């Protein structure tokens, strides 16, 4: 079973997109199948092979998530963030304004899916390996 400390140690090594691919490989070695990030407060729930879960505390004061998703604007914000033009918290603020409530990294499928508050998939990205 994995721990939040093991996940933190792996995450602390991430500085670039290349490092993110290595991070994903380390999560696989820990037995993690994926994780959900709750945009409203930054909380993350990691899940594994044997229904084991580990959850972080909230990372910031709650953000208001817009009731309807603005996919086009969200894609613009995502592109800016992925090119290094925004920090993580700014990206979360923008995502919330665009109606994104959660993101799910699926390590098995190697995808990152962004969901509305209603649970609709708004954007699905392949994770580069």
C-alpha atoms as a PDB file:
ATOM      1  CA  UNK A   1       0.000   0.000   0.000  1.00  0.00           C
ATOM      2  CA  UNK A   2       1.175   3.489  -0.823  1.00  0.00           C
ATOM      3  CA  UNK A   3       1.351   6.504   1.434  1.00  0.00           C
ATOM      4  CA  UNK A   4       1.014  10.232   0.928  1.00  0.00           C
ATOM      5  CA  UNK A   5       4.679  10.591   1.932  1.00  0.00           C
ATOM      6  CA  UNK A   6       5.765   8.282  -0.917  1.00  0.00           C
ATOM      7  CA  UNK A   7       3.624  10.242  -3.367  1.00  0.00           C
ATOM      8  CA  UNK A   8       5.031  13.551  -2.103  1.00  0.00           C
ATOM      9  CA  UNK A   9       8.605  12.307  -2.511  1.00  0.00           C
ATOM     10  CA  UNK A  10       7.866  11.364  -6.133  1.00  0.00           C
ATOM     11  CA  UNK A  11       6.028  14.628  -6.840  1.00  0.00           C
ATOM     12  CA  UNK A  12       8.790  16.797  -5.369  1.00  0.00           C
ATOM     13  CA  UNK A  13      11.016  15.688  -8.270  1.00  0.00           C
ATOM     14  CA  UNK A  14       8.674  17.155 -10.929  1.00  0.00           C
ATOM     15  CA  UNK A  15      10.090  20.284 -12.535  1.00  0.00           C
ATOM     16  CA  UNK A  16       9.316  19.731 -16.238  1.00  0.00           C
ATOM     17  CA  UNK A  17       6.893  17.814 -18.450  1.00  0.00           C
ATOM     18  CA  UNK A  18       9.572  15.113 -18.818  1.00  0.00           C
ATOM     19  CA  UNK A  19       9.701  14.808 -15.025  1.00  0.00           C
ATOM     20  CA  UNK A  20       5.924  14.324 -15.014  1.00  0.00           C
ATOM     21  CA  UNK A  21       6.295  11.165 -17.126  1.00  0.00           C
ATOM     22  CA  UNK A  22       8.851   9.861 -14.608  1.00  0.00           C
ATOM     23  CA  UNK A  23       6.455  10.776 -11.775  1.00  0.00           C
ATOM     24  CA  UNK A  24       3.697   8.724 -13.416  1.00  0.00           C
ATOM     25  CA  UNK A  25       6.079   5.756 -13.668  1.00  0.00           C
ATOM     26  CA  UNK A  26       6.877   6.086  -9.953  1.00  0.00           C
ATOM     27  CA  UNK A  27       3.160   6.144  -9.132  1.00  0.00           C
ATOM     28  CA  UNK A  28       2.711   2.941 -11.143  1.00  0.00           C
ATOM     29  CA  UNK A  29       5.513   1.330  -9.133  1.00  0.00           C
ATOM     30  CA  UNK A  30       3.702   2.345  -5.938  1.00  0.00           C
ATOM     31  CA  UNK A  31       0.543   0.584  -7.177  1.00  0.00           C
ATOM     32  CA  UNK A  32      -1.462   3.731  -7.901  1.00  0.00           C
ATOM     33  CA  UNK A  33      -4.053   3.444 -10.680  1.00  0.00           C
ATOM     34  CA  UNK A  34      -4.983   7.121 -10.742  1.00  0.00           C
ATOM     35  CA  UNK A  35      -6.061  10.146  -8.800  1.00  0.00           C
ATOM     36  CA  UNK A  36      -8.795  12.758  -8.681  1.00  0.00           C
ATOM     37  CA  UNK A  37      -8.124  16.420  -7.987  1.00  0.00           C
ATOM     38  CA  UNK A  38     -10.967  18.546  -6.657  1.00  0.00           C
ATOM     39  CA  UNK A  39     -10.508  21.988  -8.197  1.00  0.00           C
ATOM     40  CA  UNK A  40     -12.589  23.775  -5.550  1.00  0.00           C
ATOM     41  CA  UNK A  41     -10.047  23.173  -2.768  1.00  0.00           C
ATOM     42  CA  UNK A  42      -7.087  21.320  -4.297  1.00  0.00           C
ATOM     43  CA  UNK A  43      -7.743  18.091  -2.411  1.00  0.00           C
ATOM     44  CA  UNK A  44      -6.404  14.977  -4.163  1.00  0.00           C
ATOM     45  CA  UNK A  45      -7.571  11.375  -3.739  1.00  0.00           C
ATOM     46  CA  UNK A  46      -5.170   8.677  -4.975  1.00  0.00           C
ATOM     47  CA  UNK A  47      -6.528   5.191  -5.600  1.00  0.00           C
ATOM     48  CA  UNK A  48      -4.788   1.872  -6.100  1.00  0.00           C
ATOM     49  CA  UNK A  49      -5.067  -1.785  -6.958  1.00  0.00           C
ATOM     50  CA  UNK A  50      -6.754  -3.086  -3.803  1.00  0.00           C
ATOM     51  CA  UNK A  51      -9.280  -0.281  -3.328  1.00  0.00           C
ATOM     52  CA  UNK A  52      -6.680   1.469  -1.173  1.00  0.00           C
ATOM     53  CA  UNK A  53      -7.026   5.266  -1.175  1.00  0.00           C
ATOM     54  CA  UNK A  54      -5.004   8.120   0.232  1.00  0.00           C
ATOM     55  CA  UNK A  55      -6.369  11.650   0.375  1.00  0.00           C
ATOM     56  CA  UNK A  56      -4.625  14.974   0.901  1.00  0.00           C
ATOM     57  CA  UNK A  57      -6.053  17.850   2.878  1.00  0.00           C
ATOM     58  CA  UNK A  58      -7.426  20.866   1.042  1.00  0.00           C
ATOM     59  CA  UNK A  59      -4.643  23.048  -0.335  1.00  0.00           C
ATOM     60  CA  UNK A  60      -6.394  26.433  -0.473  1.00  0.00           C
ATOM     61  CA  UNK A  61      -9.586  28.255   0.450  1.00  0.00           C
ATOM     62  CA  UNK A  62     -12.577  27.074  -1.589  1.00  0.00           C
ATOM     63  CA  UNK A  63     -12.980  28.410  -5.117  1.00  0.00           C
ATOM     64  CA  UNK A  64     -16.381  28.977  -6.678  1.00  0.00           C
ATOM     65  CA  UNK A  65     -16.881  26.567  -9.599  1.00  0.00           C
ATOM     66  CA  UNK A  66     -19.068  28.028 -12.345  1.00  0.00           C
ATOM     67  CA  UNK A  67     -22.351  26.188 -12.885  1.00  0.00           C
ATOM     68  CA  UNK A  68     -21.799  25.686 -16.613  1.00  0.00           C
ATOM     69  CA  UNK A  69     -18.627  24.678 -18.415  1.00  0.00           C
ATOM     70  CA  UNK A  70     -16.897  26.935 -20.945  1.00  0.00           C
ATOM     71  CA  UNK A  71     -14.868  24.371 -22.890  1.00  0.00           C
ATOM     72  CA  UNK A  72     -13.287  26.815 -25.341  1.00  0.00           C
ATOM     73  CA  UNK A  73     -12.044  29.172 -22.632  1.00  0.00           C
ATOM     74  CA  UNK A  74     -10.840  26.243 -20.530  1.00  0.00           C
ATOM     75  CA  UNK A  75      -8.771  24.906 -23.438  1.00  0.00           C
ATOM     76  CA  UNK A  76      -7.140  28.357 -23.766  1.00  0.00           C
ATOM     77  CA  UNK A  77      -6.270  28.303 -20.044  1.00  0.00           C
ATOM     78  CA  UNK A  78      -4.998  24.732 -20.300  1.00  0.00           C
ATOM     79  CA  UNK A  79      -2.700  25.598 -23.200  1.00  0.00           C
ATOM     80  CA  UNK A  80      -1.315  28.582 -21.264  1.00  0.00           C
ATOM     81  CA  UNK A  81      -0.702  26.443 -18.198  1.00  0.00           C
ATOM     82  CA  UNK A  82       0.902  23.578 -20.107  1.00  0.00           C
ATOM     83  CA  UNK A  83       3.272  26.039 -21.787  1.00  0.00           C
ATOM     84  CA  UNK A  84       4.394  27.279 -18.364  1.00  0.00           C
ATOM     85  CA  UNK A  85       2.645  30.658 -18.502  1.00  0.00           C
ATOM     86  CA  UNK A  86       0.584  30.135 -15.318  1.00  0.00           C
ATOM     87  CA  UNK A  87       1.262  28.561 -11.957  1.00  0.00           C
ATOM     88  CA  UNK A  88      -0.879  25.721 -10.611  1.00  0.00           C
ATOM     89  CA  UNK A  89      -3.103  27.846  -8.363  1.00  0.00           C
ATOM     90  CA  UNK A  90      -3.823  30.328 -11.171  1.00  0.00           C
ATOM     91  CA  UNK A  91      -4.730  27.400 -13.421  1.00  0.00           C
ATOM     92  CA  UNK A  92      -7.110  26.055 -10.744  1.00  0.00           C
ATOM     93  CA  UNK A  93      -8.759  29.484 -10.436  1.00  0.00           C
ATOM     94  CA  UNK A  94      -9.204  29.648 -14.199  1.00  0.00           C
ATOM     95  CA  UNK A  95     -10.501  26.076 -14.356  1.00  0.00           C
ATOM     96  CA  UNK A  96     -13.091  26.841 -11.658  1.00  0.00           C
ATOM     97  CA  UNK A  97     -14.195  29.969 -13.556  1.00  0.00           C
ATOM     98  CA  UNK A  98     -14.613  27.742 -16.631  1.00  0.00           C
ATOM     99  CA  UNK A  99     -16.821  25.276 -14.735  1.00  0.00           C
ATOM    100  CA  UNK A 100     -14.232  22.547 -14.205  1.00  0.00           C
ATOM    101  CA  UNK A 101     -14.895  20.781 -10.896  1.00  0.00           C
ATOM    102  CA  UNK A 102     -12.495  17.839 -10.976  1.00  0.00           C
ATOM    103  CA  UNK A 103      -9.677  16.345 -12.965  1.00  0.00           C
ATOM    104  CA  UNK A 104      -8.886  12.656 -13.095  1.00  0.00           C
ATOM    105  CA  UNK A 105      -5.543  11.155 -13.996  1.00  0.00           C
ATOM    106  CA  UNK A 106      -6.124   7.579 -15.153  1.00  0.00           C
ATOM    107  CA  UNK A 107      -2.741   5.874 -15.123  1.00  0.00           C
ATOM    108  CA  UNK A 108      -4.085   2.714 -16.764  1.00  0.00           C
ATOM    109  CA  UNK A 109      -5.528   4.615 -19.750  1.00  0.00           C
ATOM    110  CA  UNK A 110      -2.819   7.327 -19.541  1.00  0.00           C
ATOM    111  CA  UNK A 111      -5.405  10.101 -19.761  1.00  0.00           C
ATOM    112  CA  UNK A 112      -6.245  13.279 -17.893  1.00  0.00           C
ATOM    113  CA  UNK A 113      -9.954  14.106 -17.960  1.00  0.00           C
ATOM    114  CA  UNK A 114     -11.478  17.379 -16.785  1.00  0.00           C
ATOM    115  CA  UNK A 115     -15.065  17.163 -15.523  1.00  0.00           C
ATOM    116  CA  UNK A 116     -17.890  19.615 -14.946  1.00  0.00           C
ATOM    117  CA  UNK A 117     -19.730  19.716 -11.624  1.00  0.00           C
ATOM    118  CA  UNK A 118     -22.364  17.443 -13.187  1.00  0.00           C
ATOM    119  CA  UNK A 119     -19.694  14.841 -13.989  1.00  0.00           C
ATOM    120  CA  UNK A 120     -19.585  15.496 -17.734  1.00  0.00           C
ATOM    121  CA  UNK A 121     -16.171  15.023 -19.357  1.00  0.00           C
ATOM    122  CA  UNK A 122     -15.224  18.418 -20.827  1.00  0.00           C
ATOM    123  CA  UNK A 123     -11.674  17.725 -22.066  1.00  0.00           C
ATOM    124  CA  UNK A 124      -9.746  14.442 -22.296  1.00  0.00           C
ATOM    125  CA  UNK A 125      -5.985  14.559 -22.890  1.00  0.00           C
ATOM    126  CA  UNK A 126      -3.541  11.728 -23.471  1.00  0.00           C
ATOM    127  CA  UNK A 127      -0.621  11.776 -21.028  1.00  0.00           C
ATOM    128  CA  UNK A 128       2.675  11.760 -22.934  1.00  0.00           C
ATOM    129  CA  UNK A 129       4.959   8.893 -22.004  1.00  0.00           C
END
